Amino acid sequence: MKNCFTVIFYNKLKDQAGKYAMVSQQMFDLAKEQEGYLGLESVRDSSGVGITVSYWNSQESIRKWRSNLDHMAAQEYGITEGYEWYHLTVAQVQYEKSHNFS
C-alpha cells in the first residue's frame, strides 16, 4: 500500500471482558464502509496491549473517519471506559516490502 496514509493505534485495555470486543468489531466493520479506506490489521496480546494499523488513501479520508459520529462515540467510550492508555500516530507510507518464505 505504497503512497497511502496509516493510522497506528497502540493501546492497553482496562478490562478485556465486556463491551470492548463488540464496540471494536463495530468500528472495524464501519471503517470498511468509509470512503478512502484501504485496509486494516490488528493484534492484541494476553495482557490487553494491542495495535491496530488502518490504511487510507488520503489525510482527508482520515479526518472524515475521525469525525464520524459513531466513531466519535466509540472514541469517547475508549477514553472513559475502554483503555488504560493509548497512543495514536498518523504517518505516510513511502515504501513497503514483504516476502513469504514458505
Protein backbone atom coordinates (compact mmCIF):
# COMPACT_ATOMS: atom_id res chain seq x y z
CA MET A 1 0.00 0.00 0.00
CA LYS A 2 2.66 2.43 -1.07
CA ASN A 3 1.79 6.14 -1.11
CA CYS A 4 -1.04 5.89 1.38
CA PHE A 5 -1.54 7.03 4.96
CA THR A 6 -1.72 4.93 8.11
CA VAL A 7 -3.35 5.42 11.46
CA ILE A 8 -1.38 3.46 14.04
CA PHE A 9 -3.39 2.99 17.22
CA TYR A 10 -1.43 1.43 20.11
CA ASN A 11 -3.33 0.87 23.35
CA LYS A 12 -3.92 -1.15 26.52
CA LEU A 13 -7.37 -2.23 27.64
CA LYS A 14 -8.60 -1.61 31.18
CA ASP A 15 -10.71 -4.76 31.12
CA GLN A 16 -10.66 -7.33 28.35
CA ALA A 17 -14.16 -8.56 29.13
CA GLY A 18 -17.40 -6.80 28.46
CA LYS A 19 -18.37 -4.27 25.85
CA TYR A 20 -14.99 -3.58 24.20
CA ALA A 21 -14.98 -6.52 21.76
CA MET A 22 -18.41 -5.55 20.45
CA VAL A 23 -17.51 -1.86 20.03
CA SER A 24 -14.22 -2.78 18.37
CA GLN A 25 -15.88 -5.08 15.85
CA GLN A 26 -18.50 -2.44 15.05
CA MET A 27 -15.71 0.08 14.34
CA PHE A 28 -13.81 -2.39 12.13
CA ASP A 29 -16.99 -3.02 10.14
CA LEU A 30 -17.83 0.70 9.94
CA ALA A 31 -14.31 1.68 8.84
CA LYS A 32 -14.59 -0.66 5.85
CA GLU A 33 -17.57 1.38 4.62
CA GLN A 34 -15.72 4.72 4.70
CA GLU A 35 -14.53 6.49 1.59
CA GLY A 36 -10.76 6.19 1.30
CA TYR A 37 -10.44 3.08 3.49
CA LEU A 38 -7.82 0.67 2.13
CA GLY A 39 -7.41 -1.96 4.85
CA LEU A 40 -6.74 -2.76 8.47
CA GLU A 41 -4.51 -5.04 10.57
CA SER A 42 -4.98 -5.58 14.31
CA VAL A 43 -3.45 -7.72 17.06
CA ARG A 44 -3.80 -7.89 20.84
CA ASP A 45 -1.76 -9.85 23.38
CA SER A 46 -2.95 -11.64 26.52
CA SER A 47 -2.12 -8.62 28.73
CA GLY A 48 -4.52 -6.40 26.76
CA VAL A 49 -1.91 -4.47 24.76
CA GLY A 50 -2.93 -4.09 21.14
CA ILE A 51 -2.07 -2.32 17.95
CA THR A 52 -4.34 -1.54 15.03
CA VAL A 53 -2.99 -0.14 11.79
CA SER A 54 -5.53 1.17 9.30
CA TYR A 55 -4.67 2.34 5.79
CA TRP A 56 -6.27 5.29 3.99
CA ASN A 57 -5.86 6.93 0.61
CA SER A 58 -5.64 10.49 1.98
CA GLN A 59 -5.37 12.59 5.10
CA GLU A 60 -8.84 13.91 4.31
CA SER A 61 -10.33 10.40 4.49
CA ILE A 62 -8.68 10.01 7.93
CA ARG A 63 -10.18 13.33 9.08
CA LYS A 64 -13.63 12.22 7.92
CA TRP A 65 -13.25 8.89 9.73
CA ARG A 66 -12.12 10.63 12.92
CA SER A 67 -15.24 12.84 12.82
CA ASN A 68 -17.74 10.06 12.00
CA LEU A 69 -20.41 10.27 14.74
CA ASP A 70 -20.40 6.55 15.55
CA HIS A 71 -16.61 6.56 15.63
CA MET A 72 -16.66 9.61 17.92
CA ALA A 73 -18.97 7.76 20.32
CA ALA A 74 -16.59 4.76 20.29
CA GLN A 75 -13.67 7.10 20.95
CA GLU A 76 -15.49 8.53 23.97
CA TYR A 77 -16.17 5.01 25.26
CA GLY A 78 -12.47 4.14 24.85
CA ILE A 79 -11.35 7.25 26.73
CA THR A 80 -13.83 6.89 29.60
CA GLU A 81 -14.06 3.11 29.97
CA GLY A 82 -12.04 1.08 27.49
CA TYR A 83 -8.36 2.00 27.70
CA GLU A 84 -5.71 2.36 30.39
CA TRP A 85 -3.73 4.34 27.81
CA TYR A 86 -3.39 4.82 24.09
CA HIS A 87 -1.01 6.34 21.57
CA LEU A 88 -2.06 7.38 18.07
CA THR A 89 0.23 8.10 15.11
CA VAL A 90 -0.70 9.12 11.58
CA ALA A 91 2.04 8.50 9.02
CA GLN A 92 2.52 8.48 5.28
CA VAL A 93 3.73 5.20 3.77
CA GLN A 94 6.54 5.78 1.32
CA TYR A 95 7.98 2.30 1.00
CA GLU A 96 6.92 -1.24 1.72
CA LYS A 97 8.41 -4.67 1.18
CA SER A 98 7.29 -8.17 2.05
CA HIS A 99 8.30 -11.72 1.24
CA ASN A 100 6.73 -15.08 2.00
CA PHE A 101 9.44 -17.63 2.87
CA SER A 102 7.24 -20.72 2.71
